Amino acid sequence: MTTVIIKDATPEHWPAIWPFLRDIVAAGETYTWDRDVTQEQARAMWLLPPPGRTVVALDDDGTVLGSAKMYPNHMGPASHIASASFMVDPAHAGRGVGRALGEHVLDRARADGYRAMQFNAVVETNTRAVGLWRSLGFEVLATLPEAFRHPSKGYVGLHIMYRGL
């Protein structure tokens, strides 16, 4: 496991986030974003204003290993349920970065007063992510059949995952 330092993301982190975010989205295997998202669109969707939060995972040298964003899943009377999205640079996968980001976001959501966290669209074939979220206490509430068009596996399901805080 790599030493992972989690900090609030700043605009200065964006040049390090964008290359792996772009590649992950362009692969079309795990995110519901348009595969040809522009840098400007991606930046606006990833570096969130309050009440959203975006963090980066850094190693001891300051290299960006991954990033996560957390935000209210809905507005108004449902704003006490958080959601989040995560991206780990594939060059640093398998080193505990996703787990560190997940644990941090859960702790931060709890501290911010959220009562639960819901992921709206976890691609069922993304078994590493599904396994990680299950190990962190999430359960699959439902799977929307054939809701995601995977580039090599065809139509696969999207899990809605939930965990109380």
N, C-alpha and C. Protein backbone atom coordinates (compact mmCIF):
# COMPACT_ATOMS: atom_id res chain seq x y z
N MET A 1 0.85 -1.19 0.00
CA MET A 1 0.00 0.00 0.00
C MET A 1 0.88 1.24 0.00
N THR A 2 0.50 2.19 -0.80
CA THR A 2 1.19 3.46 -0.92
C THR A 2 0.76 4.38 0.21
N THR A 3 1.67 5.24 0.67
CA THR A 3 1.26 6.30 1.59
C THR A 3 0.40 7.27 0.79
N VAL A 4 -0.80 7.54 1.29
CA VAL A 4 -1.74 8.40 0.57
C VAL A 4 -2.10 9.57 1.47
N ILE A 5 -1.90 10.77 0.95
CA ILE A 5 -2.27 12.00 1.64
C ILE A 5 -3.47 12.57 0.90
N ILE A 6 -4.54 12.84 1.63
CA ILE A 6 -5.75 13.38 1.00
C ILE A 6 -5.88 14.85 1.37
N LYS A 7 -6.05 15.67 0.35
CA LYS A 7 -6.19 17.12 0.54
C LYS A 7 -7.34 17.63 -0.31
N ASP A 8 -7.87 18.78 0.08
CA ASP A 8 -8.84 19.44 -0.80
C ASP A 8 -8.17 19.78 -2.11
N ALA A 9 -8.87 19.53 -3.20
CA ALA A 9 -8.34 19.84 -4.52
C ALA A 9 -8.39 21.35 -4.75
N THR A 10 -7.41 21.84 -5.47
CA THR A 10 -7.37 23.24 -5.87
C THR A 10 -7.27 23.28 -7.40
N PRO A 11 -7.52 24.42 -8.01
CA PRO A 11 -7.36 24.51 -9.46
C PRO A 11 -5.96 24.09 -9.94
N GLU A 12 -4.97 24.23 -9.07
CA GLU A 12 -3.61 23.84 -9.46
C GLU A 12 -3.46 22.33 -9.63
N HIS A 13 -4.37 21.55 -9.04
CA HIS A 13 -4.32 20.09 -9.20
C HIS A 13 -4.91 19.63 -10.53
N TRP A 14 -5.73 20.47 -11.15
CA TRP A 14 -6.44 20.05 -12.36
C TRP A 14 -5.52 19.53 -13.46
N PRO A 15 -4.40 20.17 -13.77
CA PRO A 15 -3.54 19.64 -14.85
C PRO A 15 -3.06 18.21 -14.60
N ALA A 16 -2.99 17.78 -13.34
CA ALA A 16 -2.59 16.41 -13.04
C ALA A 16 -3.80 15.46 -13.05
N ILE A 17 -4.99 15.97 -12.76
CA ILE A 17 -6.20 15.14 -12.75
C ILE A 17 -6.68 14.87 -14.18
N TRP A 18 -6.67 15.91 -15.01
CA TRP A 18 -7.28 15.83 -16.33
C TRP A 18 -6.77 14.66 -17.18
N PRO A 19 -5.47 14.37 -17.27
CA PRO A 19 -5.05 13.28 -18.16
C PRO A 19 -5.66 11.92 -17.81
N PHE A 20 -5.68 11.54 -16.53
CA PHE A 20 -6.26 10.23 -16.22
C PHE A 20 -7.78 10.27 -16.24
N LEU A 21 -8.39 11.40 -15.86
CA LEU A 21 -9.84 11.52 -15.96
C LEU A 21 -10.27 11.38 -17.42
N ARG A 22 -9.58 12.08 -18.31
CA ARG A 22 -9.89 12.02 -19.75
C ARG A 22 -9.79 10.59 -20.26
N ASP A 23 -8.72 9.88 -19.89
CA ASP A 23 -8.52 8.52 -20.38
C ASP A 23 -9.56 7.56 -19.84
N ILE A 24 -9.91 7.70 -18.56
CA ILE A 24 -10.93 6.83 -17.95
C ILE A 24 -12.28 7.06 -18.61
N VAL A 25 -12.65 8.30 -18.80
CA VAL A 25 -13.95 8.61 -19.42
C VAL A 25 -13.94 8.15 -20.87
N ALA A 26 -12.87 8.41 -21.60
CA ALA A 26 -12.79 8.03 -23.02
C ALA A 26 -12.87 6.51 -23.21
N ALA A 27 -12.39 5.74 -22.25
CA ALA A 27 -12.46 4.28 -22.36
C ALA A 27 -13.91 3.79 -22.36
N GLY A 28 -14.79 4.55 -21.72
CA GLY A 28 -16.21 4.22 -21.75
C GLY A 28 -16.62 2.98 -20.98
N GLU A 29 -15.82 2.56 -20.02
CA GLU A 29 -16.10 1.31 -19.30
C GLU A 29 -16.70 1.51 -17.91
N THR A 30 -16.55 2.72 -17.32
CA THR A 30 -16.95 2.89 -15.93
C THR A 30 -17.72 4.17 -15.64
N TYR A 31 -17.74 5.12 -16.52
CA TYR A 31 -18.40 6.40 -16.26
C TYR A 31 -19.51 6.65 -17.25
N THR A 32 -20.58 7.29 -16.78
CA THR A 32 -21.73 7.58 -17.63
C THR A 32 -21.59 8.91 -18.36
N TRP A 33 -20.42 9.50 -18.30
CA TRP A 33 -20.18 10.76 -19.00
C TRP A 33 -20.02 10.50 -20.50
N ASP A 34 -20.24 11.56 -21.30
CA ASP A 34 -19.93 11.46 -22.73
C ASP A 34 -18.45 11.16 -22.88
N ARG A 35 -18.14 10.20 -23.73
CA ARG A 35 -16.74 9.76 -23.86
C ARG A 35 -15.84 10.86 -24.44
N ASP A 36 -16.41 11.82 -25.13
CA ASP A 36 -15.62 12.90 -25.72
C ASP A 36 -15.75 14.20 -24.93
N VAL A 37 -15.94 14.09 -23.61
CA VAL A 37 -16.08 15.27 -22.77
C VAL A 37 -14.88 16.20 -22.97
N THR A 38 -15.15 17.50 -23.05
CA THR A 38 -14.06 18.45 -23.19
C THR A 38 -13.42 18.71 -21.82
N GLN A 39 -12.23 19.25 -21.86
CA GLN A 39 -11.56 19.58 -20.61
C GLN A 39 -12.37 20.59 -19.80
N GLU A 40 -12.95 21.56 -20.46
CA GLU A 40 -13.74 22.58 -19.76
C GLU A 40 -14.98 21.96 -19.11
N GLN A 41 -15.68 21.09 -19.84
CA GLN A 41 -16.85 20.42 -19.28
C GLN A 41 -16.46 19.55 -18.09
N ALA A 42 -15.39 18.80 -18.25
CA ALA A 42 -14.94 17.89 -17.18
C ALA A 42 -14.53 18.67 -15.94
N ARG A 43 -13.82 19.74 -16.14
CA ARG A 43 -13.38 20.55 -15.00
C ARG A 43 -14.58 21.08 -14.21
N ALA A 44 -15.59 21.56 -14.93
CA ALA A 44 -16.79 22.09 -14.27
C ALA A 44 -17.55 20.99 -13.53
N MET A 45 -17.52 19.76 -14.04
CA MET A 45 -18.23 18.66 -13.40
C MET A 45 -17.42 18.03 -12.27
N TRP A 46 -16.10 18.23 -12.26
CA TRP A 46 -15.26 17.57 -11.25
C TRP A 46 -14.86 18.50 -10.10
N LEU A 47 -14.45 19.70 -10.40
CA LEU A 47 -14.04 20.64 -9.36
C LEU A 47 -15.28 21.41 -8.90
N LEU A 48 -15.93 20.89 -7.88
CA LEU A 48 -17.25 21.38 -7.49
C LEU A 48 -17.18 22.56 -6.52
N PRO A 49 -18.12 23.50 -6.68
CA PRO A 49 -18.26 24.56 -5.67
C PRO A 49 -19.03 24.00 -4.47
N PRO A 50 -18.96 24.67 -3.31
CA PRO A 50 -19.74 24.24 -2.15
C PRO A 50 -21.23 24.22 -2.49
N PRO A 51 -21.99 23.27 -1.96
CA PRO A 51 -21.62 22.37 -0.87
C PRO A 51 -20.85 21.14 -1.32
N GLY A 52 -20.55 21.04 -2.60
CA GLY A 52 -19.72 19.94 -3.07
C GLY A 52 -18.28 20.10 -2.58
N ARG A 53 -17.56 19.01 -2.63
CA ARG A 53 -16.14 19.01 -2.24
C ARG A 53 -15.40 18.11 -3.21
N THR A 54 -14.21 18.51 -3.57
CA THR A 54 -13.34 17.66 -4.38
C THR A 54 -12.01 17.54 -3.66
N VAL A 55 -11.50 16.32 -3.63
CA VAL A 55 -10.22 16.06 -2.98
C VAL A 55 -9.29 15.36 -3.95
N VAL A 56 -8.00 15.41 -3.61
CA VAL A 56 -7.00 14.67 -4.35
C VAL A 56 -6.26 13.75 -3.39
N ALA A 57 -5.82 12.64 -3.92
CA ALA A 57 -4.96 11.72 -3.18
C ALA A 57 -3.55 11.91 -3.73
N LEU A 58 -2.62 12.20 -2.83
CA LEU A 58 -1.24 12.48 -3.21
C LEU A 58 -0.30 11.48 -2.56
N ASP A 59 0.84 11.22 -3.20
CA ASP A 59 1.87 10.45 -2.52
C ASP A 59 2.79 11.42 -1.79
N ASP A 60 3.82 10.90 -1.15
CA ASP A 60 4.73 11.75 -0.37
C ASP A 60 5.41 12.83 -1.21
N ASP A 61 5.55 12.59 -2.50
CA ASP A 61 6.21 13.55 -3.39
C ASP A 61 5.25 14.58 -3.97
N GLY A 62 3.95 14.45 -3.65
CA GLY A 62 2.97 15.38 -4.18
C GLY A 62 2.36 14.96 -5.51
N THR A 63 2.69 13.75 -5.98
CA THR A 63 2.10 13.25 -7.22
C THR A 63 0.63 12.94 -6.98
N VAL A 64 -0.23 13.40 -7.89
CA VAL A 64 -1.66 13.12 -7.78
C VAL A 64 -1.89 11.68 -8.22
N LEU A 65 -2.44 10.88 -7.29
CA LEU A 65 -2.70 9.47 -7.52
C LEU A 65 -4.16 9.21 -7.92
N GLY A 66 -5.03 10.10 -7.48
CA GLY A 66 -6.45 9.95 -7.74
C GLY A 66 -7.21 11.14 -7.20
N SER A 67 -8.51 11.12 -7.37
CA SER A 67 -9.34 12.23 -6.92
C SER A 67 -10.75 11.72 -6.66
N ALA A 68 -11.47 12.46 -5.85
CA ALA A 68 -12.88 12.14 -5.57
C ALA A 68 -13.65 13.43 -5.38
N LYS A 69 -14.93 13.35 -5.66
CA LYS A 69 -15.81 14.49 -5.40
C LYS A 69 -17.02 13.98 -4.63
N MET A 70 -17.52 14.81 -3.72
CA MET A 70 -18.67 14.48 -2.90
C MET A 70 -19.65 15.64 -2.96
N TYR A 71 -20.93 15.33 -2.94
CA TYR A 71 -21.94 16.35 -3.11
C TYR A 71 -23.28 15.81 -2.65
N PRO A 72 -24.26 16.70 -2.40
CA PRO A 72 -25.60 16.21 -2.06
C PRO A 72 -26.18 15.45 -3.26
N ASN A 73 -26.75 14.30 -3.01
CA ASN A 73 -27.33 13.50 -4.09
C ASN A 73 -28.57 14.16 -4.68
N HIS A 74 -29.31 14.86 -3.84
CA HIS A 74 -30.50 15.59 -4.27
C HIS A 74 -30.52 16.92 -3.52
N MET A 75 -31.51 17.74 -3.81
CA MET A 75 -31.63 19.04 -3.17
C MET A 75 -32.75 19.01 -2.13
N GLY A 76 -32.90 20.12 -1.44
CA GLY A 76 -34.02 20.31 -0.52
C GLY A 76 -34.12 19.24 0.54
N PRO A 77 -35.31 18.66 0.71
CA PRO A 77 -35.54 17.73 1.80
C PRO A 77 -34.79 16.41 1.65
N ALA A 78 -34.11 16.19 0.53
CA ALA A 78 -33.32 14.98 0.35
C ALA A 78 -31.81 15.28 0.33
N SER A 79 -31.44 16.50 0.70
CA SER A 79 -30.03 16.91 0.61
C SER A 79 -29.16 16.33 1.71
N HIS A 80 -29.74 15.55 2.61
CA HIS A 80 -28.95 14.91 3.67
C HIS A 80 -28.36 13.57 3.21
N ILE A 81 -28.59 13.20 1.95
CA ILE A 81 -27.99 12.00 1.37
C ILE A 81 -26.88 12.46 0.42
N ALA A 82 -25.69 11.97 0.66
CA ALA A 82 -24.54 12.34 -0.17
C ALA A 82 -24.40 11.38 -1.34
N SER A 83 -23.65 11.82 -2.32
CA SER A 83 -23.18 10.95 -3.38
C SER A 83 -21.71 11.30 -3.61
N ALA A 84 -21.03 10.49 -4.37
CA ALA A 84 -19.61 10.74 -4.63
C ALA A 84 -19.20 10.03 -5.90
N SER A 85 -18.10 10.49 -6.45
CA SER A 85 -17.47 9.87 -7.62
C SER A 85 -15.98 9.81 -7.36
N PHE A 86 -15.35 8.80 -7.92
CA PHE A 86 -13.94 8.53 -7.65
C PHE A 86 -13.22 8.19 -8.94
N MET A 87 -11.97 8.64 -9.03
CA MET A 87 -11.10 8.24 -10.13
C MET A 87 -9.70 8.05 -9.58
N VAL A 88 -9.12 6.92 -9.91
CA VAL A 88 -7.74 6.64 -9.55
C VAL A 88 -6.94 6.53 -10.84
N ASP A 89 -5.83 7.21 -10.89
CA ASP A 89 -4.95 7.12 -12.05
C ASP A 89 -4.60 5.64 -12.24
N PRO A 90 -4.89 5.05 -13.42
CA PRO A 90 -4.59 3.64 -13.63
C PRO A 90 -3.12 3.28 -13.36
N ALA A 91 -2.22 4.23 -13.48
CA ALA A 91 -0.81 3.97 -13.18
C ALA A 91 -0.59 3.69 -11.69
N HIS A 92 -1.59 4.03 -10.87
CA HIS A 92 -1.46 3.84 -9.42
C HIS A 92 -2.54 2.91 -8.86
N ALA A 93 -3.22 2.18 -9.73
CA ALA A 93 -4.28 1.26 -9.30
C ALA A 93 -3.69 0.11 -8.50
N GLY A 94 -4.50 -0.43 -7.60
CA GLY A 94 -4.09 -1.58 -6.82
C GLY A 94 -3.16 -1.26 -5.66
N ARG A 95 -3.05 0.01 -5.32
CA ARG A 95 -2.13 0.42 -4.25
C ARG A 95 -2.86 1.03 -3.05
N GLY A 96 -4.18 0.86 -2.98
CA GLY A 96 -4.94 1.35 -1.84
C GLY A 96 -5.45 2.77 -1.99
N VAL A 97 -5.27 3.38 -3.15
CA VAL A 97 -5.69 4.77 -3.35
C VAL A 97 -7.21 4.89 -3.32
N GLY A 98 -7.91 4.00 -4.02
CA GLY A 98 -9.37 4.04 -4.03
C GLY A 98 -9.95 3.84 -2.64
N ARG A 99 -9.39 2.91 -1.88
CA ARG A 99 -9.86 2.67 -0.52
C ARG A 99 -9.62 3.90 0.35
N ALA A 100 -8.45 4.51 0.24
CA ALA A 100 -8.16 5.71 1.04
C ALA A 100 -9.13 6.83 0.69
N LEU A 101 -9.40 7.02 -0.60
CA LEU A 101 -10.36 8.05 -1.01
C LEU A 101 -11.76 7.71 -0.49
N GLY A 102 -12.16 6.45 -0.61
CA GLY A 102 -13.48 6.04 -0.14
C GLY A 102 -13.65 6.26 1.35
N GLU A 103 -12.67 5.85 2.13
CA GLU A 103 -12.75 6.04 3.58
C GLU A 103 -12.79 7.52 3.94
N HIS A 104 -11.98 8.31 3.25
CA HIS A 104 -11.96 9.75 3.51
C HIS A 104 -13.32 10.38 3.22
N VAL A 105 -13.88 10.06 2.08
CA VAL A 105 -15.16 10.66 1.69
C VAL A 105 -16.27 10.24 2.66
N LEU A 106 -16.27 8.99 3.07
CA LEU A 106 -17.27 8.56 4.06
C LEU A 106 -17.12 9.32 5.37
N ASP A 107 -15.89 9.47 5.84
CA ASP A 107 -15.66 10.22 7.08
C ASP A 107 -16.08 11.68 6.93
N ARG A 108 -15.74 12.27 5.79
CA ARG A 108 -16.07 13.67 5.55
C ARG A 108 -17.57 13.88 5.44
N ALA A 109 -18.26 12.94 4.78
CA ALA A 109 -19.71 13.04 4.65
C ALA A 109 -20.37 12.97 6.03
N ARG A 110 -19.89 12.05 6.86
CA ARG A 110 -20.42 11.92 8.21
C ARG A 110 -20.20 13.22 8.98
N ALA A 111 -18.98 13.76 8.91
CA ALA A 111 -18.64 15.00 9.63
C ALA A 111 -19.46 16.19 9.11
N ASP A 112 -19.82 16.16 7.84
CA ASP A 112 -20.61 17.24 7.25
C ASP A 112 -22.11 17.09 7.53
N GLY A 113 -22.50 16.04 8.24
CA GLY A 113 -23.89 15.88 8.64
C GLY A 113 -24.76 15.06 7.71
N TYR A 114 -24.17 14.46 6.67
CA TYR A 114 -24.96 13.57 5.82
C TYR A 114 -25.36 12.33 6.61
N ARG A 115 -26.49 11.76 6.27
CA ARG A 115 -26.99 10.58 6.98
C ARG A 115 -26.73 9.29 6.23
N ALA A 116 -26.43 9.39 4.94
CA ALA A 116 -26.19 8.20 4.12
C ALA A 116 -25.45 8.64 2.86
N MET A 117 -24.95 7.64 2.14
CA MET A 117 -24.33 7.90 0.84
C MET A 117 -24.95 6.94 -0.16
N GLN A 118 -25.25 7.47 -1.33
CA GLN A 118 -25.83 6.68 -2.41
C GLN A 118 -25.03 6.91 -3.67
N PHE A 119 -24.66 5.82 -4.32
CA PHE A 119 -24.05 5.89 -5.64
C PHE A 119 -25.14 5.54 -6.64
N ASN A 120 -25.36 6.40 -7.61
CA ASN A 120 -26.46 6.24 -8.54
C ASN A 120 -26.16 5.36 -9.73
N ALA A 121 -24.89 5.15 -10.05
CA ALA A 121 -24.58 4.46 -11.30
C ALA A 121 -23.20 3.79 -11.22
N VAL A 122 -23.14 2.64 -10.56
CA VAL A 122 -21.90 1.86 -10.51
C VAL A 122 -22.05 0.75 -11.55
N VAL A 123 -21.22 0.78 -12.57
CA VAL A 123 -21.31 -0.20 -13.66
C VAL A 123 -21.04 -1.60 -13.09
N GLU A 124 -21.98 -2.52 -13.31
CA GLU A 124 -21.88 -3.84 -12.68
C GLU A 124 -20.63 -4.60 -13.10
N THR A 125 -20.09 -4.33 -14.28
CA THR A 125 -18.88 -5.03 -14.71
C THR A 125 -17.61 -4.41 -14.13
N ASN A 126 -17.73 -3.31 -13.42
CA ASN A 126 -16.59 -2.68 -12.74
C ASN A 126 -16.43 -3.39 -11.39
N THR A 127 -15.98 -4.63 -11.45
CA THR A 127 -15.97 -5.49 -10.27
C THR A 127 -15.02 -5.00 -9.18
N ARG A 128 -13.95 -4.32 -9.56
CA ARG A 128 -13.05 -3.78 -8.53
C ARG A 128 -13.77 -2.73 -7.70
N ALA A 129 -14.48 -1.83 -8.36
CA ALA A 129 -15.21 -0.79 -7.63
C ALA A 129 -16.34 -1.40 -6.81
N VAL A 130 -17.10 -2.31 -7.39
CA VAL A 130 -18.21 -2.93 -6.66
C VAL A 130 -17.66 -3.65 -5.42
N GLY A 131 -16.56 -4.37 -5.57
CA GLY A 131 -15.96 -5.06 -4.44
C GLY A 131 -15.48 -4.09 -3.36
N LEU A 132 -14.87 -2.99 -3.78
CA LEU A 132 -14.40 -2.00 -2.82
C LEU A 132 -15.58 -1.41 -2.06
N TRP A 133 -16.62 -1.01 -2.77
CA TRP A 133 -17.76 -0.38 -2.10
C TRP A 133 -18.45 -1.38 -1.16
N ARG A 134 -18.56 -2.62 -1.56
CA ARG A 134 -19.14 -3.62 -0.66
C ARG A 134 -18.29 -3.77 0.60
N SER A 135 -16.96 -3.76 0.43
CA SER A 135 -16.08 -3.91 1.59
C SER A 135 -16.16 -2.71 2.53
N LEU A 136 -16.62 -1.58 2.01
CA LEU A 136 -16.79 -0.37 2.82
C LEU A 136 -18.23 -0.23 3.33
N GLY A 137 -19.01 -1.29 3.21
CA GLY A 137 -20.34 -1.30 3.81
C GLY A 137 -21.49 -0.95 2.90
N PHE A 138 -21.25 -0.76 1.61
CA PHE A 138 -22.33 -0.45 0.68
C PHE A 138 -23.04 -1.73 0.28
N GLU A 139 -24.31 -1.59 -0.02
CA GLU A 139 -25.07 -2.70 -0.57
C GLU A 139 -25.70 -2.26 -1.89
N VAL A 140 -25.94 -3.22 -2.75
CA VAL A 140 -26.63 -2.94 -4.01
C VAL A 140 -28.12 -2.95 -3.71
N LEU A 141 -28.76 -1.79 -3.88
CA LEU A 141 -30.21 -1.70 -3.67
C LEU A 141 -30.99 -2.20 -4.87
N ALA A 142 -30.45 -1.91 -6.04
CA ALA A 142 -31.12 -2.32 -7.28
C ALA A 142 -30.10 -2.27 -8.40
N THR A 143 -30.40 -2.97 -9.45
CA THR A 143 -29.60 -2.91 -10.66
C THR A 143 -30.52 -2.59 -11.83
N LEU A 144 -30.22 -1.53 -12.53
CA LEU A 144 -30.98 -1.16 -13.71
C LEU A 144 -30.45 -1.99 -14.87
N PRO A 145 -31.21 -2.96 -15.35
CA PRO A 145 -30.71 -3.85 -16.40
C PRO A 145 -30.39 -3.08 -17.69
N GLU A 146 -29.30 -3.45 -18.29
CA GLU A 146 -28.90 -2.90 -19.60
C GLU A 146 -28.90 -1.38 -19.64
N ALA A 147 -28.58 -0.72 -18.53
CA ALA A 147 -28.62 0.74 -18.45
C ALA A 147 -27.32 1.39 -18.93
N PHE A 148 -26.29 0.59 -19.13
CA PHE A 148 -24.98 1.13 -19.52
C PHE A 148 -24.50 0.38 -20.76
N ARG A 149 -24.07 1.15 -21.77
CA ARG A 149 -23.56 0.54 -23.00
C ARG A 149 -22.04 0.47 -22.92
N HIS A 150 -21.55 -0.70 -22.53
CA HIS A 150 -20.11 -0.94 -22.38
C HIS A 150 -19.51 -1.15 -23.77
N PRO A 151 -18.31 -0.61 -24.05
CA PRO A 151 -17.76 -0.69 -25.40
C PRO A 151 -17.43 -2.11 -25.87
N SER A 152 -17.18 -3.04 -24.96
CA SER A 152 -16.87 -4.40 -25.41
C SER A 152 -17.86 -5.45 -24.89
N LYS A 153 -18.59 -5.16 -23.82
CA LYS A 153 -19.49 -6.15 -23.22
C LYS A 153 -20.95 -5.90 -23.57
N GLY A 154 -21.20 -4.84 -24.32
CA GLY A 154 -22.58 -4.53 -24.70
C GLY A 154 -23.34 -3.90 -23.54
N TYR A 155 -24.63 -4.11 -23.53
CA TYR A 155 -25.48 -3.51 -22.50
C TYR A 155 -25.34 -4.28 -21.19
N VAL A 156 -24.94 -3.56 -20.14
CA VAL A 156 -24.77 -4.15 -18.81
C VAL A 156 -25.54 -3.29 -17.81
N GLY A 157 -25.70 -3.80 -16.61
CA GLY A 157 -26.48 -3.11 -15.59
C GLY A 157 -25.71 -2.03 -14.87
N LEU A 158 -26.47 -1.11 -14.29
CA LEU A 158 -25.94 -0.08 -13.41
C LEU A 158 -26.51 -0.33 -12.01
N HIS A 159 -25.61 -0.49 -11.04
CA HIS A 159 -26.02 -0.67 -9.65
C HIS A 159 -26.32 0.68 -9.00
N ILE A 160 -27.35 0.69 -8.18
CA ILE A 160 -27.57 1.78 -7.23
C ILE A 160 -27.10 1.21 -5.89
N MET A 161 -26.08 1.84 -5.31
CA MET A 161 -25.48 1.33 -4.08
C MET A 161 -25.70 2.34 -2.95
N TYR A 162 -25.83 1.82 -1.73
CA TYR A 162 -26.21 2.66 -0.59
C TYR A 162 -25.51 2.18 0.67
N ARG A 163 -25.27 3.15 1.53
CA ARG A 163 -24.78 2.82 2.88
C ARG A 163 -25.16 3.96 3.82
N GLY A 164 -25.65 3.59 4.99
CA GLY A 164 -25.93 4.59 6.02
C GLY A 164 -24.64 5.07 6.64
N LEU A 165 -24.68 6.27 7.20
CA LEU A 165 -23.50 6.83 7.86
C LEU A 165 -23.73 6.90 9.35
